[in-house]
Amino acid sequence: MEGVHILAIINSVLTHNGNPAVTDDDIVLREARFRSLDFSEVTLRWICFG
């Protein structure tokens, strides 16, 4: 899986939680309101659908 695909999953989780999508690869995920619980959701989506 490429970084573009992972960023798409991260953006899906962010927007589902009412946060704006990340458009810059250099942004710190904490600044994007990406919570530790969101990492678990990204991992599960990657395993199930990746």
PDB file of N, CA and C in Angstrom:
ATOM      1  N   MET A   1       0.848  -1.168   0.000  1.00  0.00           N
ATOM      2  CA  MET A   1       0.000   0.000   0.000  1.00  0.00           C
ATOM      3  C   MET A   1       0.893   1.230   0.000  1.00  0.00           C
ATOM      4  N   GLU A   2       0.547   2.175  -0.825  1.00  0.00           N
ATOM      5  CA  GLU A   2       1.333   3.395  -0.956  1.00  0.00           C
ATOM      6  C   GLU A   2       0.819   4.472  -0.005  1.00  0.00           C
ATOM      7  N   GLY A   3       1.660   5.470   0.203  1.00  0.00           N
ATOM      8  CA  GLY A   3       1.311   6.564   1.098  1.00  0.00           C
ATOM      9  C   GLY A   3       0.030   7.278   0.711  1.00  0.00           C
ATOM     10  N   VAL A   4      -0.233   7.346  -0.573  1.00  0.00           N
ATOM     11  CA  VAL A   4      -1.460   8.000  -1.054  1.00  0.00           C
ATOM     12  C   VAL A   4      -2.691   7.259  -0.543  1.00  0.00           C
ATOM     13  N   HIS A   5      -2.620   5.941  -0.525  1.00  0.00           N
ATOM     14  CA  HIS A   5      -3.748   5.145  -0.049  1.00  0.00           C
ATOM     15  C   HIS A   5      -3.936   5.299   1.462  1.00  0.00           C
ATOM     16  N   ILE A   6      -2.831   5.335   2.176  1.00  0.00           N
ATOM     17  CA  ILE A   6      -2.913   5.513   3.628  1.00  0.00           C
ATOM     18  C   ILE A   6      -3.473   6.891   3.958  1.00  0.00           C
ATOM     19  N   LEU A   7      -3.030   7.919   3.231  1.00  0.00           N
ATOM     20  CA  LEU A   7      -3.562   9.264   3.448  1.00  0.00           C
ATOM     21  C   LEU A   7      -5.051   9.317   3.150  1.00  0.00           C
ATOM     22  N   ALA A   8      -5.506   8.588   2.161  1.00  0.00           N
ATOM     23  CA  ALA A   8      -6.940   8.541   1.850  1.00  0.00           C
ATOM     24  C   ALA A   8      -7.725   7.930   3.005  1.00  0.00           C
ATOM     25  N   ILE A   9      -7.181   6.886   3.621  1.00  0.00           N
ATOM     26  CA  ILE A   9      -7.857   6.273   4.773  1.00  0.00           C
ATOM     27  C   ILE A   9      -7.857   7.240   5.953  1.00  0.00           C
ATOM     28  N   ILE A  10      -6.724   7.897   6.194  1.00  0.00           N
ATOM     29  CA  ILE A  10      -6.648   8.884   7.279  1.00  0.00           C
ATOM     30  C   ILE A  10      -7.664   9.992   7.056  1.00  0.00           C
ATOM     31  N   ASN A  11      -7.765  10.494   5.833  1.00  0.00           N
ATOM     32  CA  ASN A  11      -8.736  11.543   5.533  1.00  0.00           C
ATOM     33  C   ASN A  11     -10.163  11.061   5.707  1.00  0.00           C
ATOM     34  N   SER A  12     -10.410   9.818   5.374  1.00  0.00           N
ATOM     35  CA  SER A  12     -11.742   9.246   5.568  1.00  0.00           C
ATOM     36  C   SER A  12     -12.118   9.249   7.047  1.00  0.00           C
ATOM     37  N   VAL A  13     -11.175   8.862   7.896  1.00  0.00           N
ATOM     38  CA  VAL A  13     -11.421   8.852   9.343  1.00  0.00           C
ATOM     39  C   VAL A  13     -11.593  10.277   9.862  1.00  0.00           C
ATOM     40  N   LEU A  14     -10.727  11.191   9.426  1.00  0.00           N
ATOM     41  CA  LEU A  14     -10.822  12.575   9.878  1.00  0.00           C
ATOM     42  C   LEU A  14     -12.167  13.196   9.508  1.00  0.00           C
ATOM     43  N   THR A  15     -12.569  13.052   8.266  1.00  0.00           N
ATOM     44  CA  THR A  15     -13.818  13.682   7.832  1.00  0.00           C
ATOM     45  C   THR A  15     -15.028  13.012   8.468  1.00  0.00           C
ATOM     46  N   HIS A  16     -14.935  11.707   8.720  1.00  0.00           N
ATOM     47  CA  HIS A  16     -16.029  11.000   9.413  1.00  0.00           C
ATOM     48  C   HIS A  16     -16.229  11.567  10.818  1.00  0.00           C
ATOM     49  N   ASN A  17     -15.133  12.018  11.429  1.00  0.00           N
ATOM     50  CA  ASN A  17     -15.196  12.594  12.780  1.00  0.00           C
ATOM     51  C   ASN A  17     -15.423  14.101  12.775  1.00  0.00           C
ATOM     52  N   GLY A  18     -15.696  14.672  11.590  1.00  0.00           N
ATOM     53  CA  GLY A  18     -16.013  16.091  11.500  1.00  0.00           C
ATOM     54  C   GLY A  18     -14.810  17.009  11.397  1.00  0.00           C
ATOM     55  N   ASN A  19     -13.646  16.464  11.111  1.00  0.00           N
ATOM     56  CA  ASN A  19     -12.435  17.268  10.972  1.00  0.00           C
ATOM     57  C   ASN A  19     -12.094  17.433   9.492  1.00  0.00           C
ATOM     58  N   PRO A  20     -11.373  18.497   9.158  1.00  0.00           N
ATOM     59  CA  PRO A  20     -10.997  18.690   7.752  1.00  0.00           C
ATOM     60  C   PRO A  20      -9.957  17.659   7.309  1.00  0.00           C
ATOM     61  N   ALA A  21      -9.974  17.362   6.045  1.00  0.00           N
ATOM     62  CA  ALA A  21      -9.015  16.414   5.471  1.00  0.00           C
ATOM     63  C   ALA A  21      -7.622  17.034   5.433  1.00  0.00           C
ATOM     64  N   VAL A  22      -6.604  16.189   5.475  1.00  0.00           N
ATOM     65  CA  VAL A  22      -5.212  16.618   5.382  1.00  0.00           C
ATOM     66  C   VAL A  22      -4.861  16.761   3.904  1.00  0.00           C
ATOM     67  N   THR A  23      -4.324  17.920   3.547  1.00  0.00           N
ATOM     68  CA  THR A  23      -3.941  18.142   2.155  1.00  0.00           C
ATOM     69  C   THR A  23      -2.432  18.240   1.987  1.00  0.00           C
ATOM     70  N   ASP A  24      -1.716  18.334   3.105  1.00  0.00           N
ATOM     71  CA  ASP A  24      -0.263  18.491   3.078  1.00  0.00           C
ATOM     72  C   ASP A  24       0.374  17.272   3.751  1.00  0.00           C
ATOM     73  N   ASP A  25       1.233  16.571   3.051  1.00  0.00           N
ATOM     74  CA  ASP A  25       1.881  15.377   3.604  1.00  0.00           C
ATOM     75  C   ASP A  25       2.793  15.690   4.785  1.00  0.00           C
ATOM     76  N   ASP A  26       3.212  16.929   4.924  1.00  0.00           N
ATOM     77  CA  ASP A  26       4.153  17.294   5.976  1.00  0.00           C
ATOM     78  C   ASP A  26       3.477  17.713   7.285  1.00  0.00           C
ATOM     79  N   ILE A  27       2.158  17.712   7.329  1.00  0.00           N
ATOM     80  CA  ILE A  27       1.453  18.133   8.541  1.00  0.00           C
ATOM     81  C   ILE A  27       1.622  17.072   9.633  1.00  0.00           C
ATOM     82  N   VAL A  28       1.759  17.539  10.857  1.00  0.00           N
ATOM     83  CA  VAL A  28       1.809  16.639  12.008  1.00  0.00           C
ATOM     84  C   VAL A  28       0.374  16.211  12.298  1.00  0.00           C
ATOM     85  N   LEU A  29       0.153  14.911  12.416  1.00  0.00           N
ATOM     86  CA  LEU A  29      -1.218  14.419  12.574  1.00  0.00           C
ATOM     87  C   LEU A  29      -1.907  14.986  13.809  1.00  0.00           C
ATOM     88  N   ARG A  30      -1.154  15.293  14.841  1.00  0.00           N
ATOM     89  CA  ARG A  30      -1.757  15.898  16.033  1.00  0.00           C
ATOM     90  C   ARG A  30      -2.362  17.253  15.682  1.00  0.00           C
ATOM     91  N   GLU A  31      -1.697  18.006  14.799  1.00  0.00           N
ATOM     92  CA  GLU A  31      -2.226  19.298  14.358  1.00  0.00           C
ATOM     93  C   GLU A  31      -3.500  19.124  13.535  1.00  0.00           C
ATOM     94  N   ALA A  32      -3.660  17.963  12.926  1.00  0.00           N
ATOM     95  CA  ALA A  32      -4.848  17.681  12.115  1.00  0.00           C
ATOM     96  C   ALA A  32      -5.977  17.097  12.963  1.00  0.00           C
ATOM     97  N   ARG A  33      -5.806  17.104  14.297  1.00  0.00           N
ATOM     98  CA  ARG A  33      -6.804  16.556  15.233  1.00  0.00           C
ATOM     99  C   ARG A  33      -6.967  15.048  15.072  1.00  0.00           C
ATOM    100  N   PHE A  34      -5.895  14.385  14.715  1.00  0.00           N
ATOM    101  CA  PHE A  34      -5.900  12.937  14.554  1.00  0.00           C
ATOM    102  C   PHE A  34      -5.570  12.321  15.903  1.00  0.00           C
ATOM    103  N   ARG A  35      -6.533  11.584  16.466  1.00  0.00           N
ATOM    104  CA  ARG A  35      -6.389  11.034  17.813  1.00  0.00           C
ATOM    105  C   ARG A  35      -5.763   9.640  17.775  1.00  0.00           C
ATOM    106  N   SER A  36      -5.282   9.193  18.908  1.00  0.00           N
ATOM    107  CA  SER A  36      -4.678   7.862  18.972  1.00  0.00           C
ATOM    108  C   SER A  36      -5.705   6.784  18.629  1.00  0.00           C
ATOM    109  N   LEU A  37      -6.947   6.985  19.005  1.00  0.00           N
ATOM    110  CA  LEU A  37      -7.997   6.030  18.664  1.00  0.00           C
ATOM    111  C   LEU A  37      -8.179   5.940  17.151  1.00  0.00           C
ATOM    112  N   ASP A  38      -7.937   7.036  16.446  1.00  0.00           N
ATOM    113  CA  ASP A  38      -8.048   7.045  14.990  1.00  0.00           C
ATOM    114  C   ASP A  38      -7.021   6.120  14.341  1.00  0.00           C
ATOM    115  N   PHE A  39      -5.845   5.969  14.972  1.00  0.00           N
ATOM    116  CA  PHE A  39      -4.846   5.048  14.441  1.00  0.00           C
ATOM    117  C   PHE A  39      -5.397   3.629  14.386  1.00  0.00           C
ATOM    118  N   SER A  40      -6.143   3.244  15.413  1.00  0.00           N
ATOM    119  CA  SER A  40      -6.736   1.912  15.443  1.00  0.00           C
ATOM    120  C   SER A  40      -7.731   1.735  14.304  1.00  0.00           C
ATOM    121  N   GLU A  41      -8.539   2.759  14.066  1.00  0.00           N
ATOM    122  CA  GLU A  41      -9.522   2.677  12.988  1.00  0.00           C
ATOM    123  C   GLU A  41      -8.838   2.594  11.625  1.00  0.00           C
ATOM    124  N   VAL A  42      -7.771   3.372  11.430  1.00  0.00           N
ATOM    125  CA  VAL A  42      -7.031   3.310  10.164  1.00  0.00           C
ATOM    126  C   VAL A  42      -6.442   1.924   9.975  1.00  0.00           C
ATOM    127  N   THR A  43      -5.875   1.364  11.032  1.00  0.00           N
ATOM    128  CA  THR A  43      -5.280   0.028  10.934  1.00  0.00           C
ATOM    129  C   THR A  43      -6.320  -1.020  10.580  1.00  0.00           C
ATOM    130  N   LEU A  44      -7.471  -0.974  11.202  1.00  0.00           N
ATOM    131  CA  LEU A  44      -8.531  -1.937  10.902  1.00  0.00           C
ATOM    132  C   LEU A  44      -9.026  -1.789   9.466  1.00  0.00           C
ATOM    133  N   ARG A  45      -9.178  -0.554   9.009  1.00  0.00           N
ATOM    134  CA  ARG A  45      -9.612  -0.353   7.615  1.00  0.00           C
ATOM    135  C   ARG A  45      -8.559  -0.868   6.642  1.00  0.00           C
ATOM    136  N   TRP A  46      -7.281  -0.654   6.983  1.00  0.00           N
ATOM    137  CA  TRP A  46      -6.198  -1.110   6.115  1.00  0.00           C
ATOM    138  C   TRP A  46      -6.174  -2.628   6.039  1.00  0.00           C
ATOM    139  N   ILE A  47      -6.353  -3.290   7.186  1.00  0.00           N
ATOM    140  CA  ILE A  47      -6.356  -4.749   7.223  1.00  0.00           C
ATOM    141  C   ILE A  47      -7.562  -5.309   6.474  1.00  0.00           C
ATOM    142  N   CYS A  48      -8.724  -4.734   6.691  1.00  0.00           N
ATOM    143  CA  CYS A  48      -9.959  -5.263   6.106  1.00  0.00           C
ATOM    144  C   CYS A  48     -10.125  -4.915   4.627  1.00  0.00           C
ATOM    145  N   PHE A  49      -9.716  -3.718   4.250  1.00  0.00           N
ATOM    146  CA  PHE A  49     -10.010  -3.255   2.892  1.00  0.00           C
ATOM    147  C   PHE A  49      -8.765  -2.986   2.054  1.00  0.00           C
ATOM    148  N   GLY A  50      -7.587  -2.995   2.692  1.00  0.00           N
ATOM    149  CA  GLY A  50      -6.357  -2.653   1.989  1.00  0.00           C
ATOM    150  C   GLY A  50      -5.876  -3.765   1.145  1.00  0.00           C
TER     151      GLY A  50
END
